[in-house]
């Protein structure tokens, strides 16, 4: 189902929402992804933001164990690489000591001015994103994504549109920026705030029935609750 609505409180432009049909199983989307030529993904990059100081966590979030021998950063890199994204850029701070898996084309960027905030990390990362590429953007403090979600966002892609996965009425990770948005943001080193910068573009919401897209792991308790057996 696709519907158009206005966010009156925020005063934004009309936005389009597409709901994820209940009778479409995630495993079916995985099969579709396997059949989808990776050539279709040749103009899609991924940007992982991992430059925060992790003060509340007390250690580098990107290096936290995710499971299966992977860190948070390694899990995200693996998923994006398997989905055909290239390049995959990670923006980290100067103290980070990431162990990067060999799969995928991975670029490391050091943010030497973390005090400038998330928008500066985004701008630095986009400098490594080729012209004409669309780009997934994901914070490392949400280490969850999967190929079914990436495909769903990809299917809604257009050059002047950004796509946001939704669950329980809330926006999650990652977002996907159309190529014209990426190219414009790359040229502006003074991005005040990503949300404000995106106001001039079409917002497209995709419902995805997995609350893990809403994760925001900031404290040791958050992490312990995330990794404990269900």
N, C-alpha and C. Protein backbone atom coordinates (compact mmCIF):
# COMPACT_ATOMS: atom_id res chain seq x y z
N UNK A 1 0.84 -1.19 0.00
CA UNK A 1 0.00 0.00 0.00
C UNK A 1 0.88 1.24 0.00
N UNK A 2 0.54 2.20 -0.82
CA UNK A 2 1.28 3.45 -0.86
C UNK A 2 0.33 4.58 -0.53
N UNK A 3 0.75 5.47 0.35
CA UNK A 3 -0.12 6.58 0.71
C UNK A 3 0.72 7.83 0.84
N UNK A 4 0.08 8.98 0.68
CA UNK A 4 0.78 10.25 0.78
C UNK A 4 0.18 11.02 1.94
N UNK A 5 1.07 11.62 2.77
CA UNK A 5 0.57 12.35 3.92
C UNK A 5 1.47 13.51 4.24
N UNK A 6 0.98 14.43 5.03
CA UNK A 6 1.77 15.59 5.42
C UNK A 6 2.08 15.51 6.90
N UNK A 7 3.33 15.86 7.23
CA UNK A 7 3.75 15.94 8.62
C UNK A 7 3.54 17.39 9.04
N UNK A 8 2.38 17.67 9.63
CA UNK A 8 2.00 19.05 9.94
C UNK A 8 2.91 19.64 11.00
N UNK A 9 3.25 18.83 12.01
CA UNK A 9 4.04 19.34 13.12
C UNK A 9 5.42 19.80 12.68
N UNK A 10 6.04 19.06 11.77
CA UNK A 10 7.39 19.41 11.35
C UNK A 10 7.39 20.34 10.15
N UNK A 11 6.23 20.53 9.52
CA UNK A 11 6.13 21.45 8.40
C UNK A 11 6.90 21.01 7.18
N UNK A 12 7.06 19.71 7.03
CA UNK A 12 7.82 19.21 5.89
C UNK A 12 6.92 19.05 4.69
N UNK A 13 7.55 18.73 3.56
CA UNK A 13 6.79 18.48 2.34
C UNK A 13 6.02 17.17 2.47
N UNK A 14 5.02 16.95 1.61
CA UNK A 14 4.33 15.66 1.64
C UNK A 14 5.33 14.53 1.48
N UNK A 15 5.08 13.45 2.19
CA UNK A 15 5.97 12.30 2.10
C UNK A 15 5.18 11.08 1.68
N UNK A 16 5.84 10.16 1.03
CA UNK A 16 5.20 8.95 0.53
C UNK A 16 5.59 7.79 1.42
N UNK A 17 4.64 6.97 1.75
CA UNK A 17 4.90 5.81 2.59
C UNK A 17 4.49 4.55 1.86
N UNK A 18 5.33 3.54 1.91
CA UNK A 18 4.97 2.24 1.35
C UNK A 18 5.02 1.21 2.46
N UNK A 19 3.96 0.44 2.60
CA UNK A 19 3.90 -0.56 3.65
C UNK A 19 4.39 -1.90 3.16
N UNK A 20 5.11 -2.59 4.01
CA UNK A 20 5.65 -3.92 3.72
C UNK A 20 4.51 -4.93 3.87
N UNK A 21 4.17 -5.65 2.80
CA UNK A 21 3.05 -6.57 2.83
C UNK A 21 3.35 -7.75 3.76
N UNK A 22 2.38 -8.09 4.60
CA UNK A 22 2.60 -9.14 5.59
C UNK A 22 2.85 -10.50 4.96
N UNK A 23 2.29 -10.75 3.77
CA UNK A 23 2.41 -12.08 3.17
C UNK A 23 3.71 -12.26 2.40
N UNK A 24 4.57 -11.23 2.41
CA UNK A 24 5.88 -11.36 1.78
C UNK A 24 6.90 -11.70 2.84
N UNK A 25 7.41 -12.90 2.81
CA UNK A 25 8.35 -13.36 3.82
C UNK A 25 9.75 -12.84 3.53
N UNK A 26 10.50 -12.63 4.60
CA UNK A 26 11.88 -12.16 4.43
C UNK A 26 12.70 -13.14 3.61
N UNK A 27 12.45 -14.43 3.81
CA UNK A 27 13.24 -15.41 3.06
C UNK A 27 12.98 -15.30 1.56
N UNK A 28 11.76 -14.87 1.17
CA UNK A 28 11.47 -14.69 -0.24
C UNK A 28 12.25 -13.51 -0.80
N UNK A 29 12.40 -12.46 0.03
CA UNK A 29 13.18 -11.32 -0.41
C UNK A 29 14.65 -11.69 -0.56
N UNK A 30 15.14 -12.56 0.31
CA UNK A 30 16.52 -13.01 0.20
C UNK A 30 16.73 -13.75 -1.13
N UNK A 31 15.72 -14.54 -1.53
CA UNK A 31 15.83 -15.26 -2.80
C UNK A 31 15.83 -14.28 -3.97
N UNK A 32 15.00 -13.24 -3.86
CA UNK A 32 14.97 -12.22 -4.91
C UNK A 32 16.33 -11.56 -5.02
N UNK A 33 16.93 -11.24 -3.85
CA UNK A 33 18.22 -10.58 -3.85
C UNK A 33 19.28 -11.43 -4.53
N UNK A 34 19.24 -12.74 -4.28
CA UNK A 34 20.22 -13.63 -4.89
C UNK A 34 20.08 -13.64 -6.41
N UNK A 35 18.84 -13.49 -6.88
CA UNK A 35 18.63 -13.48 -8.33
C UNK A 35 18.95 -12.13 -8.96
N UNK A 36 18.98 -11.10 -8.12
CA UNK A 36 19.22 -9.75 -8.62
C UNK A 36 20.70 -9.58 -8.96
N UNK A 37 20.98 -9.18 -10.19
CA UNK A 37 22.36 -9.01 -10.62
C UNK A 37 23.06 -7.96 -9.79
N UNK A 38 24.29 -8.27 -9.35
CA UNK A 38 25.05 -7.30 -8.59
C UNK A 38 25.38 -6.07 -9.43
N UNK A 39 25.29 -6.20 -10.75
CA UNK A 39 25.54 -5.05 -11.61
C UNK A 39 24.55 -3.93 -11.33
N UNK A 40 23.36 -4.31 -10.87
CA UNK A 40 22.37 -3.29 -10.56
C UNK A 40 22.80 -2.46 -9.36
N UNK A 41 23.72 -2.97 -8.56
CA UNK A 41 24.18 -2.28 -7.37
C UNK A 41 25.48 -1.52 -7.60
N UNK A 42 25.96 -1.49 -8.85
CA UNK A 42 27.28 -0.94 -9.08
C UNK A 42 27.37 0.55 -8.75
N UNK A 43 26.25 1.23 -8.65
CA UNK A 43 26.27 2.66 -8.33
C UNK A 43 25.72 2.93 -6.94
N UNK A 44 25.85 1.99 -6.05
CA UNK A 44 25.39 2.17 -4.67
C UNK A 44 26.53 1.91 -3.70
N UNK A 45 26.79 2.89 -2.87
CA UNK A 45 27.83 2.81 -1.85
C UNK A 45 27.20 2.69 -0.47
N UNK A 46 28.03 2.49 0.53
CA UNK A 46 27.57 2.45 1.92
C UNK A 46 28.52 3.28 2.77
N UNK A 47 27.96 4.02 3.70
CA UNK A 47 28.73 4.86 4.61
C UNK A 47 28.36 4.50 6.04
N UNK A 48 29.36 4.05 6.80
CA UNK A 48 29.15 3.65 8.20
C UNK A 48 29.80 4.71 9.09
N UNK A 49 29.01 5.30 9.97
CA UNK A 49 29.50 6.37 10.84
C UNK A 49 29.93 5.79 12.19
N UNK A 50 31.23 5.90 12.48
CA UNK A 50 31.78 5.29 13.70
C UNK A 50 32.81 6.19 14.35
N UNK A 51 32.61 7.51 14.25
CA UNK A 51 33.61 8.44 14.75
C UNK A 51 33.30 8.98 16.13
N UNK A 52 32.18 8.57 16.72
CA UNK A 52 31.82 9.08 18.03
C UNK A 52 32.81 8.64 19.11
N UNK A 53 32.85 9.38 20.21
CA UNK A 53 33.78 9.07 21.29
C UNK A 53 33.32 7.94 22.19
N UNK A 54 32.06 7.51 22.05
CA UNK A 54 31.51 6.38 22.83
C UNK A 54 31.72 6.57 24.32
N UNK A 55 31.50 7.78 24.81
CA UNK A 55 31.73 8.08 26.22
C UNK A 55 30.85 7.25 27.14
N UNK A 56 29.56 7.12 26.81
CA UNK A 56 28.66 6.35 27.68
C UNK A 56 28.93 4.86 27.61
N UNK A 57 29.35 4.36 26.45
CA UNK A 57 29.65 2.94 26.31
C UNK A 57 30.96 2.59 27.00
N UNK A 58 31.90 3.52 27.00
CA UNK A 58 33.17 3.28 27.66
C UNK A 58 34.19 2.55 26.80
N UNK A 59 33.84 2.25 25.57
CA UNK A 59 34.77 1.64 24.63
C UNK A 59 34.26 1.87 23.22
N UNK A 60 35.11 1.67 22.25
CA UNK A 60 34.77 1.92 20.85
C UNK A 60 33.63 1.00 20.41
N UNK A 61 32.51 1.58 20.01
CA UNK A 61 31.35 0.76 19.61
C UNK A 61 31.64 -0.07 18.36
N UNK A 62 32.40 0.47 17.44
CA UNK A 62 32.68 -0.24 16.20
C UNK A 62 33.41 -1.55 16.45
N UNK A 63 34.15 -1.63 17.56
CA UNK A 63 34.94 -2.82 17.87
C UNK A 63 34.23 -3.78 18.82
N UNK A 64 33.01 -3.47 19.21
CA UNK A 64 32.26 -4.37 20.11
C UNK A 64 31.96 -5.69 19.39
N UNK A 65 32.07 -6.82 20.09
CA UNK A 65 31.74 -8.11 19.48
C UNK A 65 30.26 -8.20 19.12
N UNK A 66 29.99 -8.58 17.89
CA UNK A 66 28.61 -8.78 17.43
C UNK A 66 28.20 -10.24 17.52
N UNK A 67 29.15 -11.12 17.29
CA UNK A 67 28.88 -12.56 17.22
C UNK A 67 29.48 -13.12 15.94
N UNK A 68 29.62 -14.43 15.92
CA UNK A 68 30.20 -15.12 14.75
C UNK A 68 31.59 -14.59 14.41
N UNK A 69 32.31 -14.14 15.43
CA UNK A 69 33.66 -13.64 15.21
C UNK A 69 33.75 -12.27 14.61
N UNK A 70 32.63 -11.55 14.50
CA UNK A 70 32.60 -10.22 13.89
C UNK A 70 32.35 -9.14 14.93
N UNK A 71 32.89 -7.97 14.66
CA UNK A 71 32.58 -6.78 15.44
C UNK A 71 31.35 -6.10 14.86
N UNK A 72 30.88 -5.03 15.54
CA UNK A 72 29.77 -4.26 14.98
C UNK A 72 30.11 -3.79 13.57
N UNK A 73 31.31 -3.20 13.41
CA UNK A 73 31.70 -2.71 12.09
C UNK A 73 31.83 -3.86 11.10
N UNK A 74 32.41 -4.97 11.54
CA UNK A 74 32.59 -6.11 10.66
C UNK A 74 31.28 -6.70 10.19
N UNK A 75 30.28 -6.75 11.06
CA UNK A 75 28.97 -7.27 10.68
C UNK A 75 28.34 -6.40 9.60
N UNK A 76 28.41 -5.08 9.77
CA UNK A 76 27.83 -4.18 8.79
C UNK A 76 28.57 -4.26 7.46
N UNK A 77 29.89 -4.29 7.51
CA UNK A 77 30.68 -4.41 6.29
C UNK A 77 30.32 -5.68 5.54
N UNK A 78 30.22 -6.79 6.26
CA UNK A 78 29.91 -8.07 5.64
C UNK A 78 28.56 -8.03 4.93
N UNK A 79 27.56 -7.46 5.58
CA UNK A 79 26.22 -7.42 4.98
C UNK A 79 26.18 -6.52 3.76
N UNK A 80 26.79 -5.35 3.86
CA UNK A 80 26.79 -4.44 2.71
C UNK A 80 27.59 -5.01 1.54
N UNK A 81 28.71 -5.68 1.84
CA UNK A 81 29.51 -6.26 0.77
C UNK A 81 28.75 -7.38 0.07
N UNK A 82 28.08 -8.24 0.85
CA UNK A 82 27.31 -9.34 0.27
C UNK A 82 26.15 -8.83 -0.57
N UNK A 83 25.68 -7.62 -0.26
CA UNK A 83 24.56 -7.04 -1.00
C UNK A 83 25.02 -6.27 -2.23
N UNK A 84 26.32 -6.22 -2.48
CA UNK A 84 26.82 -5.61 -3.69
C UNK A 84 27.20 -4.16 -3.59
N UNK A 85 27.25 -3.59 -2.39
CA UNK A 85 27.61 -2.18 -2.24
C UNK A 85 29.12 -1.99 -2.37
N UNK A 86 29.52 -0.95 -3.08
CA UNK A 86 30.93 -0.65 -3.23
C UNK A 86 31.09 0.77 -3.75
N UNK A 87 31.96 1.56 -3.10
CA UNK A 87 32.76 1.21 -1.93
C UNK A 87 31.96 1.27 -0.64
N UNK A 88 32.54 0.70 0.40
CA UNK A 88 31.99 0.79 1.76
C UNK A 88 32.97 1.64 2.56
N UNK A 89 32.49 2.78 3.04
CA UNK A 89 33.36 3.72 3.74
C UNK A 89 33.00 3.77 5.22
N UNK A 90 34.03 3.69 6.05
CA UNK A 90 33.83 3.82 7.50
C UNK A 90 34.55 5.07 7.97
N UNK A 91 33.81 5.95 8.65
CA UNK A 91 34.41 7.14 9.24
C UNK A 91 34.63 6.86 10.72
N UNK A 92 35.87 6.93 11.17
CA UNK A 92 36.21 6.62 12.55
C UNK A 92 37.00 7.77 13.16
N UNK A 93 37.21 7.71 14.47
CA UNK A 93 38.03 8.74 15.11
C UNK A 93 39.47 8.27 15.21
N UNK A 94 40.33 9.14 15.70
CA UNK A 94 41.76 8.85 15.70
C UNK A 94 42.15 7.73 16.67
N UNK A 95 41.32 7.46 17.66
CA UNK A 95 41.65 6.44 18.65
C UNK A 95 41.15 5.05 18.26
N UNK A 96 40.39 4.96 17.21
CA UNK A 96 39.79 3.69 16.83
C UNK A 96 40.84 2.69 16.35
N UNK A 97 40.63 1.42 16.72
CA UNK A 97 41.52 0.34 16.29
C UNK A 97 40.66 -0.78 15.69
N UNK A 98 40.12 -0.52 14.52
CA UNK A 98 39.20 -1.45 13.89
C UNK A 98 39.94 -2.60 13.22
N UNK A 99 39.35 -3.79 13.31
CA UNK A 99 39.81 -4.93 12.55
C UNK A 99 38.83 -5.14 11.41
N UNK A 100 39.28 -4.95 10.19
CA UNK A 100 38.38 -4.95 9.03
C UNK A 100 38.49 -6.27 8.28
N UNK A 101 37.34 -6.93 8.00
CA UNK A 101 37.38 -8.16 7.21
C UNK A 101 37.84 -7.89 5.79
N UNK A 102 38.37 -8.92 5.16
CA UNK A 102 38.96 -8.75 3.83
C UNK A 102 37.93 -8.65 2.71
N UNK A 103 36.69 -9.07 2.96
CA UNK A 103 35.69 -9.05 1.89
C UNK A 103 35.17 -7.64 1.66
N UNK A 104 34.94 -7.32 0.39
CA UNK A 104 34.38 -6.01 0.06
C UNK A 104 35.45 -4.95 -0.11
N UNK A 105 35.09 -3.91 -0.81
CA UNK A 105 35.99 -2.77 -1.01
C UNK A 105 35.73 -1.77 0.11
N UNK A 106 36.64 -1.74 1.09
CA UNK A 106 36.43 -0.95 2.30
C UNK A 106 37.42 0.21 2.33
N UNK A 107 36.90 1.40 2.63
CA UNK A 107 37.72 2.59 2.77
C UNK A 107 37.59 3.13 4.18
N UNK A 108 38.70 3.47 4.80
CA UNK A 108 38.71 4.05 6.14
C UNK A 108 38.99 5.54 6.05
N UNK A 109 38.18 6.32 6.76
CA UNK A 109 38.37 7.77 6.81
C UNK A 109 38.46 8.17 8.28
N UNK A 110 39.44 8.97 8.62
CA UNK A 110 39.61 9.42 10.01
C UNK A 110 39.04 10.82 10.16
N UNK A 111 38.13 10.96 11.10
CA UNK A 111 37.57 12.27 11.44
C UNK A 111 38.42 12.84 12.59
N UNK A 112 39.21 13.84 12.26
CA UNK A 112 40.08 14.45 13.27
C UNK A 112 39.40 15.58 14.02
N UNK A 113 38.15 15.84 13.69
CA UNK A 113 37.41 16.92 14.34
C UNK A 113 36.03 16.40 14.75
N UNK A 114 36.01 15.42 15.64
CA UNK A 114 34.74 14.83 16.05
C UNK A 114 33.84 15.84 16.74
N UNK A 115 34.43 16.92 17.24
CA UNK A 115 33.64 17.96 17.91
C UNK A 115 32.68 18.64 16.93
N UNK A 116 32.93 18.49 15.62
CA UNK A 116 32.04 19.08 14.62
C UNK A 116 30.77 18.28 14.43
N UNK A 117 30.73 17.08 14.99
CA UNK A 117 29.49 16.32 14.99
C UNK A 117 29.31 15.37 13.82
N UNK A 118 28.14 14.75 13.81
CA UNK A 118 27.79 13.71 12.84
C UNK A 118 27.80 14.23 11.40
N UNK A 119 27.34 15.45 11.20
CA UNK A 119 27.26 15.99 9.85
C UNK A 119 28.64 16.10 9.20
N UNK A 120 29.65 16.41 10.01
CA UNK A 120 31.01 16.49 9.48
C UNK A 120 31.50 15.11 9.06
N UNK A 121 31.17 14.09 9.86
CA UNK A 121 31.52 12.72 9.49
C UNK A 121 30.85 12.32 8.18
N UNK A 122 29.60 12.71 8.02
CA UNK A 122 28.88 12.39 6.78
C UNK A 122 29.57 13.04 5.59
N UNK A 123 29.93 14.31 5.74
CA UNK A 123 30.58 15.01 4.63
C UNK A 123 31.92 14.36 4.30
N UNK A 124 32.70 14.01 5.32
CA UNK A 124 33.99 13.35 5.08
C UNK A 124 33.80 12.03 4.33
N UNK A 125 32.81 11.25 4.77
CA UNK A 125 32.56 9.96 4.13
C UNK A 125 32.09 10.10 2.70
N UNK A 126 31.28 11.11 2.44
CA UNK A 126 30.76 11.30 1.08
C UNK A 126 31.85 11.73 0.11
N UNK A 127 32.96 12.25 0.61
CA UNK A 127 34.07 12.59 -0.28
C UNK A 127 34.65 11.34 -0.93
N UNK A 128 34.44 10.18 -0.31
CA UNK A 128 34.92 8.91 -0.85
C UNK A 128 33.86 8.19 -1.67
N UNK A 129 32.67 8.77 -1.74
CA UNK A 129 31.59 8.17 -2.50
C UNK A 129 31.64 8.68 -3.93
N UNK A 130 31.76 7.82 -4.92
CA UNK A 130 31.91 8.27 -6.30
C UNK A 130 30.73 9.10 -6.78
N UNK A 131 31.00 10.01 -7.68
CA UNK A 131 29.94 10.83 -8.27
C UNK A 131 28.93 9.93 -8.97
N UNK A 132 27.66 10.24 -8.80
CA UNK A 132 26.61 9.44 -9.42
C UNK A 132 26.16 8.25 -8.59
N UNK A 133 26.78 8.04 -7.43
CA UNK A 133 26.39 6.93 -6.57
C UNK A 133 25.30 7.35 -5.59
N UNK A 134 24.36 6.44 -5.35
CA UNK A 134 23.48 6.55 -4.21
C UNK A 134 24.22 5.97 -3.02
N UNK A 135 23.72 6.21 -1.80
CA UNK A 135 24.50 5.78 -0.64
C UNK A 135 23.61 5.46 0.56
N UNK A 136 23.83 4.27 1.13
CA UNK A 136 23.24 3.93 2.43
C UNK A 136 24.07 4.63 3.51
N UNK A 137 23.40 5.14 4.52
CA UNK A 137 24.10 5.73 5.67
C UNK A 137 23.62 5.04 6.94
N UNK A 138 24.55 4.53 7.71
CA UNK A 138 24.21 3.79 8.92
C UNK A 138 25.14 4.15 10.06
N UNK A 139 24.57 4.39 11.24
CA UNK A 139 25.36 4.60 12.44
C UNK A 139 25.83 3.25 12.98
N UNK A 140 27.06 3.19 13.45
CA UNK A 140 27.59 1.92 13.94
C UNK A 140 26.93 1.50 15.24
N UNK A 141 26.29 2.44 15.95
CA UNK A 141 25.61 2.04 17.19
C UNK A 141 24.29 1.32 16.93
N UNK A 142 23.94 1.17 15.65
CA UNK A 142 22.92 0.20 15.26
C UNK A 142 23.58 -0.80 14.33
N UNK A 143 24.05 -1.93 14.87
CA UNK A 143 24.82 -2.87 14.05
C UNK A 143 23.96 -3.81 13.21
N UNK A 144 22.64 -3.60 13.23
CA UNK A 144 21.76 -4.51 12.50
C UNK A 144 21.38 -3.96 11.13
N UNK A 145 21.54 -4.78 10.14
CA UNK A 145 20.87 -4.61 8.85
C UNK A 145 20.90 -5.97 8.18
N UNK A 146 20.11 -6.17 7.15
CA UNK A 146 20.21 -7.41 6.39
C UNK A 146 19.85 -7.15 4.93
N UNK A 147 20.14 -8.14 4.10
CA UNK A 147 20.00 -7.95 2.66
C UNK A 147 18.56 -7.71 2.25
N UNK A 148 17.60 -8.29 2.97
CA UNK A 148 16.19 -8.07 2.63
C UNK A 148 15.81 -6.60 2.81
N UNK A 149 16.29 -6.01 3.90
CA UNK A 149 16.01 -4.60 4.15
C UNK A 149 16.70 -3.71 3.11
N UNK A 150 17.95 -4.01 2.81
CA UNK A 150 18.67 -3.21 1.82
C UNK A 150 18.00 -3.27 0.46
N UNK A 151 17.53 -4.44 0.10
CA UNK A 151 16.83 -4.59 -1.19
C UNK A 151 15.53 -3.79 -1.20
N UNK A 152 14.81 -3.84 -0.10
CA UNK A 152 13.54 -3.12 -0.02
C UNK A 152 13.76 -1.62 -0.21
N UNK A 153 14.79 -1.08 0.42
CA UNK A 153 15.11 0.33 0.25
C UNK A 153 15.55 0.62 -1.18
N UNK A 154 16.37 -0.26 -1.70
CA UNK A 154 16.89 -0.11 -3.06
C UNK A 154 15.76 -0.05 -4.09
N UNK A 155 14.73 -0.85 -3.91
CA UNK A 155 13.62 -0.91 -4.87
C UNK A 155 12.83 0.39 -4.89
N UNK A 156 12.94 1.21 -3.83
CA UNK A 156 12.22 2.48 -3.78
C UNK A 156 13.08 3.66 -4.23
N UNK A 157 14.27 3.38 -4.72
CA UNK A 157 15.26 4.42 -4.98
C UNK A 157 14.94 5.26 -6.21
N UNK A 158 15.20 6.56 -6.09
CA UNK A 158 15.21 7.46 -7.24
C UNK A 158 16.21 8.58 -6.92
N UNK A 159 16.72 9.29 -7.92
CA UNK A 159 17.84 10.22 -7.71
C UNK A 159 17.60 11.32 -6.68
N UNK A 160 16.38 11.86 -6.61
CA UNK A 160 16.11 12.98 -5.71
C UNK A 160 15.31 12.56 -4.48
N UNK A 161 15.34 11.32 -4.14
CA UNK A 161 14.55 10.78 -3.03
C UNK A 161 15.49 10.15 -2.00
N UNK A 162 15.11 10.27 -0.73
CA UNK A 162 15.79 9.51 0.30
C UNK A 162 14.76 8.60 0.98
N UNK A 163 15.21 7.39 1.30
CA UNK A 163 14.30 6.36 1.79
C UNK A 163 14.63 6.06 3.25
N UNK A 164 13.57 5.99 4.05
CA UNK A 164 13.71 5.75 5.49
C UNK A 164 12.93 4.50 5.87
N UNK A 165 13.57 3.50 6.49
CA UNK A 165 12.82 2.33 6.97
C UNK A 165 12.06 2.69 8.24
N UNK A 166 10.82 2.22 8.35
CA UNK A 166 9.98 2.57 9.49
C UNK A 166 9.50 1.32 10.22
N UNK A 167 9.39 1.44 11.54
CA UNK A 167 8.80 0.39 12.36
C UNK A 167 8.18 1.05 13.58
N UNK A 168 6.96 0.68 13.90
CA UNK A 168 6.24 1.27 15.04
C UNK A 168 6.17 2.80 14.93
N UNK A 169 6.07 3.30 13.70
CA UNK A 169 5.94 4.73 13.50
C UNK A 169 7.22 5.52 13.67
N UNK A 170 8.36 4.82 13.80
CA UNK A 170 9.64 5.49 14.01
C UNK A 170 10.60 5.17 12.87
N UNK A 171 11.45 6.14 12.54
CA UNK A 171 12.45 5.93 11.51
C UNK A 171 13.64 5.16 12.05
N UNK A 172 14.19 4.27 11.21
CA UNK A 172 15.30 3.44 11.64
C UNK A 172 16.51 3.55 10.73
N UNK A 173 17.37 2.56 10.82
CA UNK A 173 18.61 2.51 10.05
C UNK A 173 18.58 1.35 9.07
N UNK A 174 19.28 1.48 7.94
CA UNK A 174 19.94 2.68 7.44
C UNK A 174 18.97 3.53 6.65
N UNK A 175 19.39 4.73 6.27
CA UNK A 175 18.64 5.48 5.27
C UNK A 175 19.41 5.34 3.96
N UNK A 176 18.71 5.55 2.86
CA UNK A 176 19.33 5.47 1.55
C UNK A 176 19.12 6.79 0.82
N UNK A 177 20.21 7.42 0.42
CA UNK A 177 20.14 8.71 -0.29
C UNK A 177 20.28 8.50 -1.79
N UNK A 178 19.39 9.13 -2.55
CA UNK A 178 19.50 9.09 -4.00
C UNK A 178 20.76 9.80 -4.48
N UNK A 179 21.19 9.49 -5.70
CA UNK A 179 22.48 9.98 -6.19
C UNK A 179 22.55 11.50 -6.28
N UNK A 180 21.46 12.16 -6.63
CA UNK A 180 21.51 13.62 -6.73
C UNK A 180 21.63 14.26 -5.36
N UNK A 181 21.07 13.63 -4.35
CA UNK A 181 21.22 14.12 -2.97
C UNK A 181 22.67 13.98 -2.53
N UNK A 182 23.24 12.80 -2.79
CA UNK A 182 24.64 12.55 -2.42
C UNK A 182 25.57 13.57 -3.08
N UNK A 183 25.37 13.79 -4.38
CA UNK A 183 26.23 14.71 -5.10
C UNK A 183 26.12 16.13 -4.56
N UNK A 184 24.93 16.53 -4.14
CA UNK A 184 24.78 17.89 -3.61
C UNK A 184 25.40 18.00 -2.23
N UNK A 185 25.19 17.01 -1.37
CA UNK A 185 25.77 17.07 -0.02
C UNK A 185 27.29 17.02 -0.07
N UNK A 186 27.83 16.30 -1.02
CA UNK A 186 29.29 16.18 -1.13
C UNK A 186 29.94 17.54 -1.37
N UNK A 187 29.23 18.42 -2.04
CA UNK A 187 29.78 19.73 -2.39
C UNK A 187 29.65 20.76 -1.27
N UNK A 188 28.96 20.40 -0.20
CA UNK A 188 28.70 21.35 0.88
C UNK A 188 29.37 20.88 2.16
N UNK A 189 30.49 21.50 2.51
CA UNK A 189 31.22 21.11 3.72
C UNK A 189 30.61 21.71 4.98
N UNK A 190 29.55 22.50 4.82
CA UNK A 190 28.91 23.13 5.98
C UNK A 190 27.50 22.60 6.18
N UNK A 191 27.36 21.27 6.13
CA UNK A 191 26.06 20.66 6.37
C UNK A 191 25.71 20.90 7.84
N UNK A 192 24.71 21.75 8.15
CA UNK A 192 24.40 22.06 9.54
C UNK A 192 23.78 20.87 10.26
N UNK A 193 22.92 20.15 9.57
CA UNK A 193 22.20 19.03 10.14
C UNK A 193 21.61 18.24 8.98
N UNK A 194 21.78 16.92 8.99
CA UNK A 194 21.33 16.13 7.85
C UNK A 194 19.83 16.26 7.65
N UNK A 195 19.06 16.25 8.72
CA UNK A 195 17.61 16.35 8.56
C UNK A 195 17.20 17.64 7.87
N UNK A 196 17.84 18.72 8.25
CA UNK A 196 17.53 20.00 7.61
C UNK A 196 17.97 20.00 6.15
N UNK A 197 19.12 19.41 5.90
CA UNK A 197 19.63 19.37 4.53
C UNK A 197 18.73 18.56 3.60
N UNK A 198 17.99 17.61 4.18
CA UNK A 198 17.15 16.74 3.37
C UNK A 198 15.75 17.28 3.14
N UNK A 199 15.41 18.40 3.77
CA UNK A 199 14.05 18.93 3.67
C UNK A 199 13.63 19.25 2.24
N UNK A 200 14.59 19.60 1.40
CA UNK A 200 14.23 19.98 0.03
C UNK A 200 14.00 18.78 -0.88
N UNK A 201 14.24 17.58 -0.36
CA UNK A 201 14.10 16.37 -1.17
C UNK A 201 12.89 15.55 -0.72
N UNK A 202 12.48 14.64 -1.58
CA UNK A 202 11.35 13.77 -1.28
C UNK A 202 11.73 12.71 -0.26
N UNK A 203 10.93 12.59 0.76
CA UNK A 203 11.10 11.55 1.78
C UNK A 203 10.17 10.39 1.44
N UNK A 204 10.73 9.18 1.41
CA UNK A 204 9.97 7.99 1.06
C UNK A 204 10.15 6.98 2.19
N UNK A 205 9.04 6.60 2.83
CA UNK A 205 9.10 5.72 3.98
C UNK A 205 8.71 4.30 3.60
N UNK A 206 9.49 3.34 4.06
CA UNK A 206 9.25 1.92 3.79
C UNK A 206 9.08 1.21 5.11
N UNK A 207 7.94 0.56 5.31
CA UNK A 207 7.70 -0.18 6.55
C UNK A 207 8.46 -1.50 6.52
N UNK A 208 9.16 -1.78 7.62
CA UNK A 208 9.91 -3.03 7.76
C UNK A 208 9.63 -3.59 9.15
N UNK A 209 9.10 -4.83 9.25
CA UNK A 209 8.60 -5.34 10.52
C UNK A 209 9.66 -5.98 11.41
N UNK A 210 10.72 -5.25 11.68
CA UNK A 210 11.76 -5.76 12.57
C UNK A 210 12.27 -4.60 13.41
N UNK A 211 12.00 -4.65 14.71
CA UNK A 211 12.33 -3.53 15.59
C UNK A 211 13.82 -3.30 15.73
N UNK A 212 14.64 -4.22 15.26
CA UNK A 212 16.08 -4.03 15.36
C UNK A 212 16.57 -2.86 14.51
N UNK A 213 15.77 -2.43 13.54
CA UNK A 213 16.19 -1.26 12.77
C UNK A 213 16.16 0.01 13.62
N UNK A 214 15.54 -0.06 14.80
CA UNK A 214 15.43 1.10 15.69
C UNK A 214 16.51 1.12 16.77
N UNK A 215 17.39 0.13 16.77
CA UNK A 215 18.42 0.03 17.81
C UNK A 215 19.28 1.29 17.86
N UNK A 216 19.65 1.66 19.09
CA UNK A 216 20.57 2.77 19.33
C UNK A 216 21.33 2.42 20.60
N UNK A 217 22.44 1.72 20.46
CA UNK A 217 23.16 1.16 21.59
C UNK A 217 24.20 2.14 22.09
N UNK A 218 23.94 2.73 23.26
CA UNK A 218 24.83 3.77 23.78
C UNK A 218 25.51 3.43 25.09
N UNK A 219 24.98 2.46 25.84
CA UNK A 219 25.51 2.16 27.16
C UNK A 219 25.83 0.67 27.28
N UNK A 220 26.63 0.28 28.29
CA UNK A 220 26.91 -1.15 28.50
C UNK A 220 25.64 -1.97 28.69
N UNK A 221 24.63 -1.40 29.37
CA UNK A 221 23.37 -2.12 29.55
C UNK A 221 22.66 -2.33 28.21
N UNK A 222 22.69 -1.33 27.35
CA UNK A 222 22.11 -1.48 26.02
C UNK A 222 22.77 -2.65 25.29
N UNK A 223 24.08 -2.71 25.38
CA UNK A 223 24.82 -3.75 24.68
C UNK A 223 24.51 -5.14 25.26
N UNK A 224 24.48 -5.25 26.58
CA UNK A 224 24.20 -6.53 27.21
C UNK A 224 22.80 -7.02 26.87
N UNK A 225 21.84 -6.13 26.82
CA UNK A 225 20.48 -6.51 26.44
C UNK A 225 20.41 -6.94 24.98
N UNK A 226 21.26 -6.37 24.17
CA UNK A 226 21.29 -6.71 22.74
C UNK A 226 21.86 -8.11 22.50
N UNK A 227 22.93 -8.46 23.22
CA UNK A 227 23.61 -9.71 22.94
C UNK A 227 23.08 -10.90 23.75
N UNK A 228 22.27 -10.65 24.77
CA UNK A 228 21.81 -11.76 25.59
C UNK A 228 20.87 -12.65 24.80
N UNK A 229 20.90 -13.96 25.06
CA UNK A 229 20.01 -14.90 24.34
C UNK A 229 18.55 -14.56 24.56
N UNK A 230 17.75 -14.72 23.51
CA UNK A 230 16.31 -14.46 23.60
C UNK A 230 15.62 -15.62 24.28
